[in-house]
PDB file of N, CA and C in Angstrom:
ATOM      1  N   MET A   1      12.278 119.676 102.913  1.00  0.00           N
ATOM      2  CA  MET A   1      12.517 118.308 102.511  1.00  0.00           C
ATOM      3  C   MET A   1      11.755 117.376 103.443  1.00  0.00           C
ATOM      4  N   ASN A   2      11.083 116.409 102.866  1.00  0.00           N
ATOM      5  CA  ASN A   2      10.386 115.404 103.655  1.00  0.00           C
ATOM      6  C   ASN A   2      11.348 114.318 104.086  1.00  0.00           C
ATOM      7  N   ALA A   3      11.049 113.718 105.224  1.00  0.00           N
ATOM      8  CA  ALA A   3      11.923 112.682 105.766  1.00  0.00           C
ATOM      9  C   ALA A   3      11.108 111.568 106.404  1.00  0.00           C
ATOM     10  N   SER A   4      11.731 110.400 106.466  1.00  0.00           N
ATOM     11  CA  SER A   4      11.209 109.248 107.191  1.00  0.00           C
ATOM     12  C   SER A   4      12.245 108.885 108.238  1.00  0.00           C
ATOM     13  N   ILE A   5      11.783 108.724 109.462  1.00  0.00           N
ATOM     14  CA  ILE A   5      12.689 108.389 110.558  1.00  0.00           C
ATOM     15  C   ILE A   5      12.148 107.171 111.283  1.00  0.00           C
ATOM     16  N   GLU A   6      13.036 106.230 111.534  1.00  0.00           N
ATOM     17  CA  GLU A   6      12.687 105.087 112.358  1.00  0.00           C
ATOM     18  C   GLU A   6      13.438 105.244 113.671  1.00  0.00           C
ATOM     19  N   LEU A   7      12.701 105.224 114.766  1.00  0.00           N
ATOM     20  CA  LEU A   7      13.285 105.491 116.074  1.00  0.00           C
ATOM     21  C   LEU A   7      12.942 104.356 117.030  1.00  0.00           C
ATOM     22  N   SER A   8      13.950 103.864 117.722  1.00  0.00           N
ATOM     23  CA  SER A   8      13.748 102.881 118.785  1.00  0.00           C
ATOM     24  C   SER A   8      14.297 103.483 120.070  1.00  0.00           C
ATOM     25  N   LEU A   9      13.474 103.463 121.097  1.00  0.00           N
ATOM     26  CA  LEU A   9      13.851 104.002 122.399  1.00  0.00           C
ATOM     27  C   LEU A   9      14.003 102.843 123.376  1.00  0.00           C
ATOM     28  N   TYR A  10      15.097 102.843 124.117  1.00  0.00           N
ATOM     29  CA  TYR A  10      15.377 101.780 125.066  1.00  0.00           C
ATOM     30  C   TYR A  10      15.625 102.367 126.453  1.00  0.00           C
ATOM     31  N   PRO A  11      14.565 102.579 127.237  1.00  0.00           N
ATOM     32  CA  PRO A  11      14.758 103.032 128.612  1.00  0.00           C
ATOM     33  C   PRO A  11      15.454 101.934 129.419  1.00  0.00           C
ATOM     34  N   LEU A  12      16.432 102.304 130.184  1.00  0.00           N
ATOM     35  CA  LEU A  12      17.176 101.338 130.995  1.00  0.00           C
ATOM     36  C   LEU A  12      16.571 101.295 132.394  1.00  0.00           C
ATOM     37  N   LYS A  13      15.284 100.909 132.423  1.00  0.00           N
ATOM     38  CA  LYS A  13      14.513 100.864 133.663  1.00  0.00           C
ATOM     39  C   LYS A  13      13.592  99.661 133.618  1.00  0.00           C
ATOM     40  N   GLU A  14      13.120  99.252 134.777  1.00  0.00           N
ATOM     41  CA  GLU A  14      12.189  98.122 134.825  1.00  0.00           C
ATOM     42  C   GLU A  14      10.840  98.458 134.187  1.00  0.00           C
ATOM     43  N   ASN A  15      10.378  99.673 134.331  1.00  0.00           N
ATOM     44  CA  ASN A  15       9.077 100.054 133.768  1.00  0.00           C
ATOM     45  C   ASN A  15       9.246 100.645 132.360  1.00  0.00           C
ATOM     46  N   TYR A  16      10.062  99.995 131.540  1.00  0.00           N
ATOM     47  CA  TYR A  16      10.387 100.521 130.210  1.00  0.00           C
ATOM     48  C   TYR A  16       9.169 100.653 129.309  1.00  0.00           C
ATOM     49  N   LYS A  17       8.181  99.755 129.434  1.00  0.00           N
ATOM     50  CA  LYS A  17       7.001  99.837 128.558  1.00  0.00           C
ATOM     51  C   LYS A  17       6.247 101.144 128.763  1.00  0.00           C
ATOM     52  N   GLU A  18       6.095 101.550 130.005  1.00  0.00           N
ATOM     53  CA  GLU A  18       5.388 102.793 130.300  1.00  0.00           C
ATOM     54  C   GLU A  18       6.148 103.999 129.751  1.00  0.00           C
ATOM     55  N   LYS A  19       7.469 103.973 129.860  1.00  0.00           N
ATOM     56  CA  LYS A  19       8.294 105.081 129.352  1.00  0.00           C
ATOM     57  C   LYS A  19       8.190 105.185 127.828  1.00  0.00           C
ATOM     58  N   ILE A  20       8.229 104.050 127.148  1.00  0.00           N
ATOM     59  CA  ILE A  20       8.124 104.047 125.683  1.00  0.00           C
ATOM     60  C   ILE A  20       6.747 104.539 125.252  1.00  0.00           C
ATOM     61  N   THR A  21       5.706 104.033 125.905  1.00  0.00           N
ATOM     62  CA  THR A  21       4.342 104.444 125.573  1.00  0.00           C
ATOM     63  C   THR A  21       4.161 105.943 125.768  1.00  0.00           C
ATOM     64  N   ALA A  22       4.637 106.475 126.872  1.00  0.00           N
ATOM     65  CA  ALA A  22       4.510 107.915 127.147  1.00  0.00           C
ATOM     66  C   ALA A  22       5.256 108.737 126.096  1.00  0.00           C
ATOM     67  N   PHE A  23       6.430 108.276 125.695  1.00  0.00           N
ATOM     68  CA  PHE A  23       7.211 108.983 124.678  1.00  0.00           C
ATOM     69  C   PHE A  23       6.461 109.015 123.345  1.00  0.00           C
ATOM     70  N   ILE A  24       5.934 107.871 122.914  1.00  0.00           N
ATOM     71  CA  ILE A  24       5.184 107.816 121.651  1.00  0.00           C
ATOM     72  C   ILE A  24       3.940 108.694 121.714  1.00  0.00           C
ATOM     73  N   LEU A  25       3.235 108.668 122.830  1.00  0.00           N
ATOM     74  CA  LEU A  25       2.033 109.504 122.964  1.00  0.00           C
ATOM     75  C   LEU A  25       2.382 110.992 122.895  1.00  0.00           C
ATOM     76  N   ARG A  26       3.531 111.378 123.434  1.00  0.00           N
ATOM     77  CA  ARG A  26       3.959 112.780 123.309  1.00  0.00           C
ATOM     78  C   ARG A  26       4.215 113.126 121.849  1.00  0.00           C
ATOM     79  N   LEU A  27       4.850 112.221 121.104  1.00  0.00           N
ATOM     80  CA  LEU A  27       5.096 112.481 119.681  1.00  0.00           C
ATOM     81  C   LEU A  27       3.790 112.584 118.900  1.00  0.00           C
ATOM     82  N   LYS A  28       2.814 111.746 119.243  1.00  0.00           N
ATOM     83  CA  LYS A  28       1.533 111.735 118.531  1.00  0.00           C
ATOM     84  C   LYS A  28       0.729 113.018 118.734  1.00  0.00           C
ATOM     85  N   LYS A  29       1.086 113.829 119.721  1.00  0.00           N
ATOM     86  CA  LYS A  29       0.376 115.096 119.953  1.00  0.00           C
ATOM     87  C   LYS A  29       0.707 116.143 118.898  1.00  0.00           C
ATOM     88  N   TYR A  30       1.784 115.948 118.165  1.00  0.00           N
ATOM     89  CA  TYR A  30       2.178 116.909 117.127  1.00  0.00           C
ATOM     90  C   TYR A  30       1.412 116.603 115.838  1.00  0.00           C
ATOM     91  N   ASP A  31       0.501 117.507 115.480  1.00  0.00           N
ATOM     92  CA  ASP A  31      -0.319 117.307 114.280  1.00  0.00           C
ATOM     93  C   ASP A  31       0.480 117.420 112.986  1.00  0.00           C
ATOM     94  N   SER A  32       1.647 118.018 113.037  1.00  0.00           N
ATOM     95  CA  SER A  32       2.421 118.303 111.828  1.00  0.00           C
ATOM     96  C   SER A  32       3.282 117.120 111.368  1.00  0.00           C
ATOM     97  N   ILE A  33       3.276 116.022 112.130  1.00  0.00           N
ATOM     98  CA  ILE A  33       4.027 114.834 111.724  1.00  0.00           C
ATOM     99  C   ILE A  33       3.120 113.609 111.794  1.00  0.00           C
ATOM    100  N   VAL A  34       3.520 112.553 111.107  1.00  0.00           N
ATOM    101  CA  VAL A  34       2.802 111.279 111.164  1.00  0.00           C
ATOM    102  C   VAL A  34       3.651 110.322 111.995  1.00  0.00           C
ATOM    103  N   VAL A  35       3.046 109.726 113.009  1.00  0.00           N
ATOM    104  CA  VAL A  35       3.746 108.813 113.910  1.00  0.00           C
ATOM    105  C   VAL A  35       3.068 107.452 113.826  1.00  0.00           C
ATOM    106  N   LYS A  36       3.852 106.421 113.424  1.00  0.00           N
ATOM    107  CA  LYS A  36       3.317 105.067 113.280  1.00  0.00           C
ATOM    108  C   LYS A  36       4.153 104.091 114.102  1.00  0.00           C
ATOM    109  N   PRO A  37       3.693 103.774 115.310  1.00  0.00           N
ATOM    110  CA  PRO A  37       4.424 102.792 116.113  1.00  0.00           C
ATOM    111  C   PRO A  37       4.139 101.370 115.625  1.00  0.00           C
ATOM    112  N   ASN A  38       5.099 100.494 115.826  1.00  0.00           N
ATOM    113  CA  ASN A  38       4.880  99.071 115.582  1.00  0.00           C
ATOM    114  C   ASN A  38       5.570  98.305 116.699  1.00  0.00           C
ATOM    115  N   GLY A  39       5.672  97.015 116.591  1.00  0.00           N
ATOM    116  CA  GLY A  39       6.217  96.198 117.664  1.00  0.00           C
ATOM    117  C   GLY A  39       7.707  96.343 117.907  1.00  0.00           C
ATOM    118  N   MET A  40       8.431  96.962 116.971  1.00  0.00           N
ATOM    119  CA  MET A  40       9.879  97.044 117.114  1.00  0.00           C
ATOM    120  C   MET A  40      10.427  98.461 117.151  1.00  0.00           C
ATOM    121  N   SER A  41       9.671  99.410 116.600  1.00  0.00           N
ATOM    122  CA  SER A  41      10.163 100.786 116.516  1.00  0.00           C
ATOM    123  C   SER A  41       8.982 101.711 116.264  1.00  0.00           C
ATOM    124  N   THR A  42       9.293 102.982 116.121  1.00  0.00           N
ATOM    125  CA  THR A  42       8.284 103.972 115.760  1.00  0.00           C
ATOM    126  C   THR A  42       8.765 104.679 114.505  1.00  0.00           C
ATOM    127  N   GLN A  43       7.894 104.769 113.515  1.00  0.00           N
ATOM    128  CA  GLN A  43       8.218 105.478 112.286  1.00  0.00           C
ATOM    129  C   GLN A  43       7.580 106.853 112.331  1.00  0.00           C
ATOM    130  N   ILE A  44       8.352 107.848 111.902  1.00  0.00           N
ATOM    131  CA  ILE A  44       7.904 109.237 111.926  1.00  0.00           C
ATOM    132  C   ILE A  44       8.100 109.807 110.527  1.00  0.00           C
ATOM    133  N   PHE A  45       7.070 110.464 110.003  1.00  0.00           N
ATOM    134  CA  PHE A  45       7.113 111.031 108.663  1.00  0.00           C
ATOM    135  C   PHE A  45       6.737 112.505 108.725  1.00  0.00           C
ATOM    136  N   GLY A  46       7.432 113.329 107.940  1.00  0.00           N
ATOM    137  CA  GLY A  46       7.113 114.745 107.889  1.00  0.00           C
ATOM    138  C   GLY A  46       8.296 115.564 107.418  1.00  0.00           C
ATOM    139  N   ASP A  47       8.224 116.859 107.660  1.00  0.00           N
ATOM    140  CA  ASP A  47       9.294 117.769 107.282  1.00  0.00           C
ATOM    141  C   ASP A  47      10.536 117.481 108.134  1.00  0.00           C
ATOM    142  N   TYR A  48      11.675 117.325 107.480  1.00  0.00           N
ATOM    143  CA  TYR A  48      12.920 116.959 108.164  1.00  0.00           C
ATOM    144  C   TYR A  48      13.259 117.918 109.315  1.00  0.00           C
ATOM    145  N   ASP A  49      13.288 119.220 109.022  1.00  0.00           N
ATOM    146  CA  ASP A  49      13.658 120.195 110.058  1.00  0.00           C
ATOM    147  C   ASP A  49      12.692 120.159 111.234  1.00  0.00           C
ATOM    148  N   LEU A  50      11.418 120.033 110.937  1.00  0.00           N
ATOM    149  CA  LEU A  50      10.406 119.981 111.997  1.00  0.00           C
ATOM    150  C   LEU A  50      10.582 118.738 112.864  1.00  0.00           C
ATOM    151  N   ILE A  51      10.750 117.583 112.222  1.00  0.00           N
ATOM    152  CA  ILE A  51      10.940 116.348 112.991  1.00  0.00           C
ATOM    153  C   ILE A  51      12.182 116.444 113.873  1.00  0.00           C
ATOM    154  N   MET A  52      13.271 116.936 113.301  1.00  0.00           N
ATOM    155  CA  MET A  52      14.513 117.013 114.076  1.00  0.00           C
ATOM    156  C   MET A  52      14.369 117.971 115.254  1.00  0.00           C
ATOM    157  N   ASP A  53      13.666 119.089 115.057  1.00  0.00           N
ATOM    158  CA  ASP A  53      13.420 120.019 116.159  1.00  0.00           C
ATOM    159  C   ASP A  53      12.590 119.355 117.259  1.00  0.00           C
ATOM    160  N   LEU A  54      11.546 118.619 116.857  1.00  0.00           N
ATOM    161  CA  LEU A  54      10.697 117.942 117.839  1.00  0.00           C
ATOM    162  C   LEU A  54      11.471 116.858 118.582  1.00  0.00           C
ATOM    163  N   LEU A  55      12.254 116.083 117.836  1.00  0.00           N
ATOM    164  CA  LEU A  55      13.025 115.017 118.470  1.00  0.00           C
ATOM    165  C   LEU A  55      14.108 115.576 119.383  1.00  0.00           C
ATOM    166  N   LYS A  56      14.685 116.691 118.986  1.00  0.00           N
ATOM    167  CA  LYS A  56      15.692 117.322 119.851  1.00  0.00           C
ATOM    168  C   LYS A  56      15.076 117.633 121.216  1.00  0.00           C
ATOM    169  N   LYS A  57      13.886 118.192 121.208  1.00  0.00           N
ATOM    170  CA  LYS A  57      13.190 118.544 122.454  1.00  0.00           C
ATOM    171  C   LYS A  57      12.770 117.294 123.224  1.00  0.00           C
ATOM    172  N   GLU A  58      12.095 116.375 122.542  1.00  0.00           N
ATOM    173  CA  GLU A  58      11.538 115.209 123.227  1.00  0.00           C
ATOM    174  C   GLU A  58      12.624 114.238 123.695  1.00  0.00           C
ATOM    175  N   LEU A  59      13.661 114.025 122.900  1.00  0.00           N
ATOM    176  CA  LEU A  59      14.742 113.143 123.329  1.00  0.00           C
ATOM    177  C   LEU A  59      15.548 113.754 124.470  1.00  0.00           C
ATOM    178  N   ALA A  60      15.710 115.065 124.451  1.00  0.00           N
ATOM    179  CA  ALA A  60      16.408 115.725 125.558  1.00  0.00           C
ATOM    180  C   ALA A  60      15.659 115.486 126.868  1.00  0.00           C
ATOM    181  N   GLU A  61      14.339 115.548 126.808  1.00  0.00           N
ATOM    182  CA  GLU A  61      13.539 115.286 128.013  1.00  0.00           C
ATOM    183  C   GLU A  61      13.739 113.849 128.488  1.00  0.00           C
ATOM    184  N   GLU A  62      13.736 112.898 127.554  1.00  0.00           N
ATOM    185  CA  GLU A  62      13.948 111.495 127.927  1.00  0.00           C
ATOM    186  C   GLU A  62      15.334 111.283 128.528  1.00  0.00           C
ATOM    187  N   LEU A  63      16.345 111.788 127.853  1.00  0.00           N
ATOM    188  CA  LEU A  63      17.723 111.560 128.289  1.00  0.00           C
ATOM    189  C   LEU A  63      18.034 112.234 129.623  1.00  0.00           C
ATOM    190  N   SER A  64      17.364 113.334 129.898  1.00  0.00           N
ATOM    191  CA  SER A  64      17.632 114.032 131.158  1.00  0.00           C
ATOM    192  C   SER A  64      16.803 113.485 132.318  1.00  0.00           C
ATOM    193  N   SER A  65      15.722 112.760 132.024  1.00  0.00           N
ATOM    194  CA  SER A  65      14.861 112.276 133.102  1.00  0.00           C
ATOM    195  C   SER A  65      15.206 110.865 133.576  1.00  0.00           C
ATOM    196  N   HIS A  66      15.859 110.078 132.731  1.00  0.00           N
ATOM    197  CA  HIS A  66      16.251 108.720 133.126  1.00  0.00           C
ATOM    198  C   HIS A  66      17.271 108.178 132.130  1.00  0.00           C
ATOM    199  N   ARG A  67      17.928 107.108 132.509  1.00  0.00           N
ATOM    200  CA  ARG A  67      18.913 106.497 131.614  1.00  0.00           C
ATOM    201  C   ARG A  67      18.185 105.780 130.490  1.00  0.00           C
ATOM    202  N   CYS A  68      18.594 106.061 129.263  1.00  0.00           N
ATOM    203  CA  CYS A  68      17.993 105.392 128.116  1.00  0.00           C
ATOM    204  C   CYS A  68      18.924 105.504 126.915  1.00  0.00           C
ATOM    205  N   MET A  69      18.626 104.693 125.919  1.00  0.00           N
ATOM    206  CA  MET A  69      19.344 104.718 124.644  1.00  0.00           C
ATOM    207  C   MET A  69      18.311 104.943 123.553  1.00  0.00           C
ATOM    208  N   ALA A  70      18.734 105.587 122.466  1.00  0.00           N
ATOM    209  CA  ALA A  70      17.865 105.772 121.309  1.00  0.00           C
ATOM    210  C   ALA A  70      18.663 105.418 120.057  1.00  0.00           C
ATOM    211  N   VAL A  71      18.004 104.705 119.147  1.00  0.00           N
ATOM    212  CA  VAL A  71      18.607 104.335 117.868  1.00  0.00           C
ATOM    213  C   VAL A  71      17.699 104.890 116.777  1.00  0.00           C
ATOM    214  N   MET A  72      18.315 105.571 115.793  1.00  0.00           N
ATOM    215  CA  MET A  72      17.512 106.256 114.787  1.00  0.00           C
ATOM    216  C   MET A  72      18.089 106.017 113.394  1.00  0.00           C
ATOM    217  N   LYS A  73      17.190 105.807 112.420  1.00  0.00           N
ATOM    218  CA  LYS A  73      17.556 105.746 111.007  1.00  0.00           C
ATOM    219  C   LYS A  73      16.779 106.847 110.302  1.00  0.00           C
ATOM    220  N   ILE A  74      17.426 107.535 109.352  1.00  0.00           N
ATOM    221  CA  ILE A  74      16.799 108.653 108.656  1.00  0.00           C
ATOM    222  C   ILE A  74      16.914 108.436 107.153  1.00  0.00           C
ATOM    223  N   GLY A  75      15.810 108.655 106.458  1.00  0.00           N
ATOM    224  CA  GLY A  75      15.800 108.581 104.994  1.00  0.00           C
ATOM    225  C   GLY A  75      15.040 109.758 104.424  1.00  0.00           C
ATOM    226  N   SER A  76      15.349 110.107 103.199  1.00  0.00           N
ATOM    227  CA  SER A  76      14.641 111.228 102.570  1.00  0.00           C
ATOM    228  C   SER A  76      13.329 110.740 101.958  1.00  0.00           C
ATOM    229  N   GLY A  77      12.335 111.614 101.948  1.00  0.00           N
ATOM    230  CA  GLY A  77      11.024 111.283 101.392  1.00  0.00           C
ATOM    231  C   GLY A  77      10.187 110.495 102.382  1.00  0.00           C
ATOM    232  N   PHE A  78       8.990 110.128 101.932  1.00  0.00           N
ATOM    233  CA  PHE A  78       8.081 109.327 102.748  1.00  0.00           C
ATOM    234  C   PHE A  78       8.259 107.864 102.366  1.00  0.00           C
ATOM    235  N   LEU A  79       9.013 107.127 103.146  1.00  0.00           N
ATOM    236  CA  LEU A  79       9.308 105.724 102.870  1.00  0.00           C
ATOM    237  C   LEU A  79       8.285 104.835 103.574  1.00  0.00           C
ATOM    238  N   THR A  80       7.039 104.959 103.170  1.00  0.00           N
ATOM    239  CA  THR A  80       5.944 104.236 103.802  1.00  0.00           C
ATOM    240  C   THR A  80       5.728 102.897 103.114  1.00  0.00           C
ATOM    241  N   SER A  81       5.018 101.993 103.786  1.00  0.00           N
ATOM    242  CA  SER A  81       4.800 100.651 103.254  1.00  0.00           C
ATOM    243  C   SER A  81       3.968 100.651 101.977  1.00  0.00           C
ATOM    244  N   ASP A  82       3.176 101.686 101.733  1.00  0.00           N
ATOM    245  CA  ASP A  82       2.371 101.714 100.504  1.00  0.00           C
ATOM    246  C   ASP A  82       3.242 101.879  99.248  1.00  0.00           C
ATOM    247  N   LYS A  83       4.527 102.161  99.427  1.00  0.00           N
ATOM    248  CA  LYS A  83       5.461 102.298  98.289  1.00  0.00           C
ATOM    249  C   LYS A  83       6.136 100.965  97.942  1.00  0.00           C
ATOM    250  N   LEU A  84       5.893  99.917  98.748  1.00  0.00           N
ATOM    251  CA  LEU A  84       6.515  98.614  98.521  1.00  0.00           C
ATOM    252  C   LEU A  84       5.792  97.845  97.415  1.00  0.00           C
ATOM    253  N   PRO A  85       6.483  96.929  96.752  1.00  0.00           N
ATOM    254  CA  PRO A  85       5.798  96.045  95.791  1.00  0.00           C
ATOM    255  C   PRO A  85       4.725  95.236  96.501  1.00  0.00           C
ATOM    256  N   LYS A  86       3.628  94.948  95.794  1.00  0.00           N
ATOM    257  CA  LYS A  86       2.499  94.228  96.393  1.00  0.00           C
ATOM    258  C   LYS A  86       2.890  92.899  97.022  1.00  0.00           C
ATOM    259  N   GLU A  87       3.829  92.199  96.399  1.00  0.00           N
ATOM    260  CA  GLU A  87       4.193  90.877  96.905  1.00  0.00           C
ATOM    261  C   GLU A  87       4.889  90.936  98.264  1.00  0.00           C
ATOM    262  N   LEU A  88       5.335  92.099  98.682  1.00  0.00           N
ATOM    263  CA  LEU A  88       5.962  92.248  99.993  1.00  0.00           C
ATOM    264  C   LEU A  88       4.978  92.637 101.089  1.00  0.00           C
ATOM    265  N   LEU A  89       3.775  92.959 100.720  1.00  0.00           N
ATOM    266  CA  LEU A  89       2.785  93.395 101.720  1.00  0.00           C
ATOM    267  C   LEU A  89       1.961  92.232 102.231  1.00  0.00           C
TER     268      LEU A  89
END
């Protein structure tokens, strides 16, 4: 099953920008998923089981290395902007 995930990471540190950037770059190394960061969150598209396995590993590393919060929304299918009506783009 394909999935769309929106993930926001909130490191509870002064150098939060560097932590977020490093996390996104680690996700982008996986060729089997599509990672689209924007100004408010990161969208991830791909196979549900694969994404969840990757996030389990990568979020565990974040949570064990420093204090942070993560907020995630999950939907089925590829909920990309190209599926929106033209007037919304």
